[in-house]
Amino acid sequence: MILNDLKNFFGLHEKSFVPNVGIGTTSPNRRLEVAGPVCISPAALPGSPGAGDLATDSGASNSLKFYNGTEWRSISGRTNCPTGFSLVGTSGSSEAFCISTNEETPLTWVNAVTNCANKTPNARLCSIDEWVHACVKASTYFINNMGNGDEEWVADLLNGSSPNARAMDILFGSSCVGNDAFLATSNRRSRCCFR
């Protein structure tokens, strides 16, 4: 009697002889069926995930992700970006991301990292891969002044104990793959990215 009262109070219902549970429905068709929105509170991704796990990743702008048995994947990607950012990639794909439409003000590497982190939503310096992809298709994505001769900081640091950080630029005005090392305390432009 008490168990039935609790089930009714919380809106939980089980089909006879079938282990389906419904929240907000009396006739669930799956192991768990919820009628209405579901909240998965943002948190850090678990350290030991299992295939099929779902989580809202607090470290990635609260994006909904699933674990496919090998890696965490976004369920869907960006479809738009706020003012000041351009969408790179196929809208809605898990690879889509936002990048600063214009170069950021010249700063040291650490200050460039901080500048991106202070944006809304929280961003970060672009990785080399993101920077190169955006540079190659800059005109397609309406990104300004990419590869114009200004070196731009990227997130990827050089290996070793050197105080150098990596900056990207077009080599000889013909490709988007040039990179060089500069003292992290020197001022360079940058771009912020987020997914």
Protein backbone atom coordinates (compact mmCIF):
# COMPACT_ATOMS: atom_id res chain seq x y z
CA MET A 1 0.00 0.00 0.00
CA ILE A 2 2.74 2.45 0.96
CA LEU A 3 4.77 1.52 -2.14
CA ASN A 4 1.74 2.18 -4.38
CA ASP A 5 1.12 5.50 -2.62
CA LEU A 6 4.74 6.51 -3.24
CA LYS A 7 4.53 5.45 -6.89
CA ASN A 8 1.35 7.50 -7.35
CA PHE A 9 2.79 10.49 -5.46
CA PHE A 10 5.91 10.60 -7.67
CA GLY A 11 4.00 9.65 -10.83
CA LEU A 12 5.90 6.37 -11.24
CA HIS A 13 4.08 3.55 -13.04
CA GLU A 14 5.16 0.07 -14.06
CA LYS A 15 3.62 -2.11 -16.74
CA SER A 16 2.73 -5.58 -15.56
CA PHE A 17 5.56 -8.09 -16.09
CA VAL A 18 7.62 -5.49 -18.00
CA PRO A 19 10.34 -3.46 -16.26
CA ASN A 20 9.32 -0.15 -17.89
CA VAL A 21 9.07 2.90 -15.66
CA GLY A 22 7.18 6.07 -16.48
CA ILE A 23 7.46 9.51 -14.92
CA GLY A 24 4.43 11.57 -15.77
CA THR A 25 2.93 8.78 -17.88
CA THR A 26 0.90 5.69 -16.96
CA SER A 27 1.91 3.73 -20.05
CA PRO A 28 5.70 3.86 -20.56
CA ASN A 29 6.98 2.24 -23.76
CA ARG A 30 10.66 2.21 -22.80
CA ARG A 31 12.70 1.18 -19.73
CA LEU A 32 12.37 4.82 -18.68
CA GLU A 33 9.92 7.20 -20.31
CA VAL A 34 9.50 10.75 -19.09
CA ALA A 35 6.58 12.91 -20.15
CA GLY A 36 7.99 16.44 -20.16
CA PRO A 37 11.38 18.10 -19.82
CA VAL A 38 14.19 16.35 -17.97
CA CYS A 39 16.89 18.18 -16.03
CA ILE A 40 20.40 16.76 -15.97
CA SER A 41 22.22 19.20 -13.71
CA PRO A 42 25.58 20.50 -14.98
CA ALA A 43 28.61 18.82 -13.41
CA ALA A 44 32.10 17.66 -14.28
CA LEU A 45 32.08 14.60 -16.51
CA PRO A 46 32.56 11.38 -14.52
CA GLY A 47 36.08 9.95 -14.47
CA SER A 48 34.93 6.38 -15.17
CA PRO A 49 32.07 6.66 -17.66
CA GLY A 50 30.16 3.75 -19.14
CA ALA A 51 28.78 3.44 -22.67
CA GLY A 52 25.41 5.18 -22.84
CA ASP A 53 26.02 7.62 -19.96
CA LEU A 54 24.43 11.05 -20.37
CA ALA A 55 25.74 14.19 -18.67
CA THR A 56 25.56 17.96 -18.84
CA ASP A 57 29.23 18.98 -19.01
CA SER A 58 29.85 22.01 -16.81
CA GLY A 59 33.33 22.31 -18.35
CA ALA A 60 31.97 22.78 -21.89
CA SER A 61 29.34 25.52 -21.62
CA ASN A 62 26.85 23.02 -20.10
CA SER A 63 26.54 21.00 -23.31
CA LEU A 64 24.61 17.75 -23.22
CA LYS A 65 26.93 14.83 -23.94
CA PHE A 66 26.81 11.05 -24.16
CA TYR A 67 29.58 8.51 -23.70
CA ASN A 68 29.81 6.15 -26.70
CA GLY A 69 32.12 3.67 -24.99
CA THR A 70 35.27 5.43 -26.23
CA GLU A 71 34.76 9.17 -25.76
CA TRP A 72 32.29 11.84 -24.67
CA ARG A 73 30.39 13.30 -27.65
CA SER A 74 28.09 16.30 -27.84
CA ILE A 75 24.56 15.28 -28.69
CA SER A 76 24.24 18.20 -31.03
CA GLY A 77 26.46 21.05 -31.94
CA ARG A 78 26.12 24.77 -32.23
CA THR A 79 23.57 26.23 -34.57
CA ASN A 80 24.43 29.89 -33.95
CA CYS A 81 26.87 32.15 -32.15
CA PRO A 82 26.45 35.37 -30.18
CA THR A 83 27.37 38.76 -31.60
CA GLY A 84 31.10 39.05 -32.19
CA PHE A 85 31.54 35.36 -33.05
CA SER A 86 31.21 33.40 -36.30
CA LEU A 87 29.93 29.83 -36.62
CA VAL A 88 32.53 27.46 -38.09
CA GLY A 89 31.49 24.07 -39.44
CA THR A 90 28.13 22.56 -40.30
CA SER A 91 25.35 24.07 -38.20
CA GLY A 92 24.10 21.55 -35.62
CA SER A 93 27.02 19.14 -36.08
CA SER A 94 29.10 18.12 -33.08
CA GLU A 95 32.13 19.67 -34.79
CA ALA A 96 30.57 23.16 -35.09
CA PHE A 97 32.14 25.88 -32.94
CA CYS A 98 32.21 29.65 -32.54
CA ILE A 99 35.30 31.79 -33.14
CA SER A 100 35.90 35.52 -32.67
CA THR A 101 34.85 37.22 -35.90
CA ASN A 102 37.57 39.84 -35.41
CA GLU A 103 41.01 39.60 -33.88
CA GLU A 104 41.15 40.31 -30.16
CA THR A 105 43.29 43.16 -28.81
CA PRO A 106 47.02 42.31 -28.62
CA LEU A 107 47.81 40.79 -25.20
CA THR A 108 50.33 38.46 -23.58
CA TRP A 109 49.44 34.77 -23.87
CA VAL A 110 48.19 34.55 -20.25
CA ASN A 111 46.12 37.72 -20.62
CA ALA A 112 44.68 36.41 -23.91
CA VAL A 113 43.62 33.22 -22.08
CA THR A 114 41.98 35.34 -19.36
CA ASN A 115 40.30 37.60 -21.94
CA CYS A 116 38.63 34.60 -23.56
CA ALA A 117 37.60 33.07 -20.24
CA ASN A 118 35.90 36.35 -19.26
CA LYS A 119 33.66 36.38 -22.33
CA THR A 120 30.00 35.36 -22.21
CA PRO A 121 29.65 32.48 -22.73
CA ASN A 122 33.03 31.40 -21.35
CA ALA A 123 35.43 30.87 -24.21
CA ARG A 124 39.07 29.83 -24.51
CA LEU A 125 41.93 30.42 -26.91
CA CYS A 126 41.35 28.46 -30.10
CA SER A 127 43.32 25.26 -30.62
CA ILE A 128 45.63 24.99 -33.62
CA ASP A 129 43.11 22.69 -35.34
CA GLU A 130 40.24 25.14 -34.81
CA TRP A 131 42.36 28.10 -35.95
CA VAL A 132 43.55 26.36 -39.13
CA HIS A 133 40.03 25.13 -40.03
CA ALA A 134 38.61 28.64 -39.56
CA CYS A 135 41.49 30.24 -41.47
CA VAL A 136 41.14 27.98 -44.50
CA LYS A 137 37.45 28.87 -44.80
CA ALA A 138 37.55 32.39 -43.32
CA SER A 139 35.61 33.97 -46.20
CA THR A 140 32.96 31.22 -46.08
CA TYR A 141 32.41 31.82 -42.36
CA PHE A 142 32.69 35.65 -42.60
CA ILE A 143 35.74 35.82 -40.33
CA ASN A 144 37.70 39.07 -40.62
CA ASN A 145 41.47 39.59 -40.93
CA MET A 146 42.57 35.99 -40.58
CA GLY A 147 46.04 35.48 -41.98
CA ASN A 148 46.60 39.18 -42.55
CA GLY A 149 50.17 39.09 -41.26
CA ASP A 150 49.33 39.41 -37.55
CA GLU A 151 50.42 36.48 -35.44
CA GLU A 152 47.57 35.15 -33.27
CA TRP A 153 47.98 33.18 -30.04
CA VAL A 154 46.52 29.67 -29.92
CA ALA A 155 45.96 27.46 -26.88
CA ASP A 156 48.55 24.83 -27.77
CA LEU A 157 51.77 25.46 -25.88
CA LEU A 158 55.16 24.30 -27.04
CA ASN A 159 56.64 21.26 -25.31
CA GLY A 160 59.45 21.75 -22.84
CA SER A 161 60.16 24.29 -20.16
CA SER A 162 60.57 27.22 -22.53
CA PRO A 163 58.50 30.33 -21.71
CA ASN A 164 57.37 30.32 -25.35
CA ALA A 165 53.80 29.98 -26.55
CA ARG A 166 52.62 29.22 -30.07
CA ALA A 167 51.11 31.75 -32.46
CA MET A 168 49.63 31.09 -35.89
CA ASP A 169 49.96 33.03 -39.10
CA ILE A 170 49.90 32.45 -42.83
CA LEU A 171 53.29 31.57 -44.25
CA PHE A 172 54.22 33.54 -47.35
CA GLY A 173 50.56 34.58 -47.78
CA SER A 174 49.65 31.22 -49.30
CA SER A 175 48.39 28.84 -46.61
CA CYS A 176 46.94 28.69 -43.11
CA VAL A 177 49.47 26.33 -41.58
CA GLY A 178 52.32 28.54 -40.43
CA ASN A 179 53.15 28.67 -36.75
CA ASP A 180 56.00 30.03 -34.71
CA ALA A 181 57.05 30.41 -31.09
CA PHE A 182 57.06 33.74 -29.29
CA LEU A 183 57.77 34.68 -25.71
CA ALA A 184 54.48 34.26 -23.86
CA THR A 185 55.08 37.70 -22.34
CA SER A 186 55.01 39.41 -25.74
CA ASN A 187 51.79 40.93 -27.07
CA ARG A 188 49.99 39.15 -29.91
CA ARG A 189 46.44 39.14 -31.21
CA SER A 190 44.24 36.10 -30.62
CA ARG A 191 40.82 34.60 -31.22
CA CYS A 192 38.48 33.03 -28.72
CA CYS A 193 36.60 29.79 -29.40
CA PHE A 194 33.85 27.79 -27.73
CA ARG A 195 31.51 24.93 -28.65
